[in-house]
Amino acid sequence: MNWGKALGYGIVLYAIMFLLGSVLMFGPKLTGNTFGIAMIVASVIILWLAARMYKLSSLNQGAQVGAVWLVVEAVLDYVVLAQMFNKGSLSIYSWSLLTGYALIVIVPALVGAMAKK
C-alpha cells in the first residue's frame, strides 16, 4: 500500500465531504436525520468513486486503505468539528457520523473485493 497516496486521498475525501456537508447544511438547510441520510448516501457514492480511482486490487488492500481514510477522517473531524466549531463538545458524534465512519472502511473493502484479478 502506498501510504502517501492513501493519506492524500483521505485528506481530499475529507475536504469533499466537508464542502458537501456545508452546502447541504446552508443551502437547502438540511438538518437532523434528513441531513444524516443525505450525507450517508453521498458518502457511499463518493467513497465508491474514490476507491475505484485508487485502483484497489483486493479486499485486504481495500480494508487497509479504508482504515487509513478512517483515521484521517476521524482526526480531522475531531480537530475541525469538535475542537474548532463545537469548543471540544463531542456532540458531533451522531448515529450518521458513526455510520459514515463504518462505511469509510466497508466501501473500499467491497470495491477491492470486487476487483478483477
Protein backbone atom coordinates (compact mmCIF):
# COMPACT_ATOMS: atom_id res chain seq x y z
CA MET A 1 0.00 0.00 0.00
CA ASN A 2 1.23 3.47 -0.88
CA TRP A 3 0.85 5.41 2.41
CA GLY A 4 1.29 8.83 0.81
CA LYS A 5 -1.39 8.12 -1.77
CA ALA A 6 -3.77 6.77 0.89
CA LEU A 7 -3.22 9.81 3.14
CA GLY A 8 -3.64 12.19 0.21
CA TYR A 9 -6.90 10.57 -0.82
CA GLY A 10 -8.08 10.68 2.81
CA ILE A 11 -7.43 14.41 3.07
CA VAL A 12 -9.13 15.12 -0.26
CA LEU A 13 -12.11 12.95 0.75
CA TYR A 14 -12.42 14.89 4.00
CA ALA A 15 -12.37 18.20 2.12
CA ILE A 16 -15.01 17.00 -0.36
CA MET A 17 -17.30 15.70 2.40
CA PHE A 18 -16.81 18.87 4.49
CA LEU A 19 -17.72 21.03 1.50
CA LEU A 20 -20.73 18.85 0.65
CA GLY A 21 -21.90 18.92 4.27
CA SER A 22 -21.60 22.70 4.33
CA VAL A 23 -23.57 23.03 1.08
CA LEU A 24 -26.35 20.73 2.33
CA MET A 25 -26.49 22.44 5.71
CA PHE A 26 -26.50 26.02 4.49
CA GLY A 27 -28.04 25.63 1.00
CA PRO A 28 -31.24 23.60 1.33
CA LYS A 29 -30.77 23.85 5.13
CA LEU A 30 -30.98 20.12 5.81
CA THR A 31 -30.83 19.17 9.48
CA GLY A 32 -31.25 16.15 11.72
CA ASN A 33 -31.99 12.77 10.19
CA THR A 34 -32.57 14.23 6.71
CA PHE A 35 -29.06 15.69 6.73
CA GLY A 36 -27.62 12.45 8.11
CA ILE A 37 -29.24 10.28 5.45
CA ALA A 38 -28.22 12.66 2.65
CA MET A 39 -24.61 12.57 3.87
CA ILE A 40 -24.61 8.77 4.13
CA VAL A 41 -25.90 8.38 0.57
CA ALA A 42 -23.38 10.93 -0.70
CA SER A 43 -20.60 9.22 1.28
CA VAL A 44 -21.27 5.85 -0.31
CA ILE A 45 -21.18 7.36 -3.80
CA ILE A 46 -18.04 9.43 -3.17
CA LEU A 47 -16.24 6.58 -1.40
CA TRP A 48 -17.13 4.19 -4.21
CA LEU A 49 -15.75 6.58 -6.82
CA ALA A 50 -12.60 7.28 -4.79
CA ALA A 51 -11.96 3.58 -4.21
CA ARG A 52 -12.37 2.89 -7.93
CA MET A 53 -9.95 5.72 -8.76
CA TYR A 54 -7.46 4.30 -6.24
CA LYS A 55 -7.50 1.05 -8.23
CA LEU A 56 -7.81 -1.32 -5.28
CA SER A 57 -6.94 -4.89 -6.11
CA SER A 58 -8.17 -6.93 -3.13
CA LEU A 59 -10.40 -6.98 -0.07
CA ASN A 60 -7.32 -6.69 2.14
CA GLN A 61 -5.95 -3.68 0.29
CA GLY A 62 -9.38 -2.04 0.34
CA ALA A 63 -9.70 -2.57 4.09
CA GLN A 64 -6.18 -1.18 4.69
CA VAL A 65 -6.81 1.92 2.58
CA GLY A 66 -10.22 2.35 4.23
CA ALA A 67 -8.57 2.16 7.65
CA VAL A 68 -6.13 4.93 6.68
CA TRP A 69 -9.01 7.04 5.36
CA LEU A 70 -10.91 6.42 8.60
CA VAL A 71 -8.01 7.63 10.74
CA VAL A 72 -7.63 10.75 8.59
CA GLU A 73 -11.37 11.43 8.75
CA ALA A 74 -11.65 10.85 12.50
CA VAL A 75 -8.65 13.03 13.33
CA LEU A 76 -9.79 15.87 11.07
CA ASP A 77 -13.37 15.62 12.36
CA TYR A 78 -12.10 15.90 15.92
CA VAL A 79 -9.76 18.80 15.17
CA VAL A 80 -12.06 20.76 12.87
CA LEU A 81 -15.59 19.95 14.01
CA ALA A 82 -15.24 19.10 17.70
CA GLN A 83 -12.45 21.48 18.67
CA MET A 84 -12.87 24.46 16.35
CA PHE A 85 -16.63 24.60 15.85
CA ASN A 86 -18.03 22.91 18.98
CA LYS A 87 -15.45 24.04 21.55
CA GLY A 88 -14.48 20.48 22.42
CA SER A 89 -18.01 19.07 22.62
CA LEU A 90 -18.32 15.52 21.38
CA SER A 91 -21.96 16.06 20.38
CA ILE A 92 -20.92 15.83 16.72
CA TYR A 93 -20.67 12.04 17.07
CA SER A 94 -24.19 11.16 15.94
CA TRP A 95 -25.51 7.90 14.51
CA SER A 96 -24.97 9.21 10.99
CA LEU A 97 -21.33 10.18 11.57
CA LEU A 98 -20.55 6.82 13.17
CA THR A 99 -22.29 5.04 10.28
CA GLY A 100 -20.19 7.11 7.90
CA TYR A 101 -17.06 6.00 9.74
CA ALA A 102 -18.01 2.36 9.23
CA LEU A 103 -18.69 2.99 5.54
CA ILE A 104 -15.22 4.51 5.12
CA VAL A 105 -13.77 1.04 5.70
CA ILE A 106 -16.58 -1.09 4.24
CA VAL A 107 -16.95 0.59 0.82
CA PRO A 108 -13.25 0.44 -0.21
CA ALA A 109 -13.06 -3.14 1.08
CA LEU A 110 -16.04 -4.09 -1.11
CA VAL A 111 -14.55 -2.33 -4.13
CA GLY A 112 -11.27 -4.16 -3.55
CA ALA A 113 -13.08 -7.50 -3.16
CA MET A 114 -14.92 -6.92 -6.45
CA ALA A 115 -11.71 -6.08 -8.34
CA LYS A 116 -10.97 -8.30 -11.31
CA LYS A 117 -7.97 -10.47 -10.63
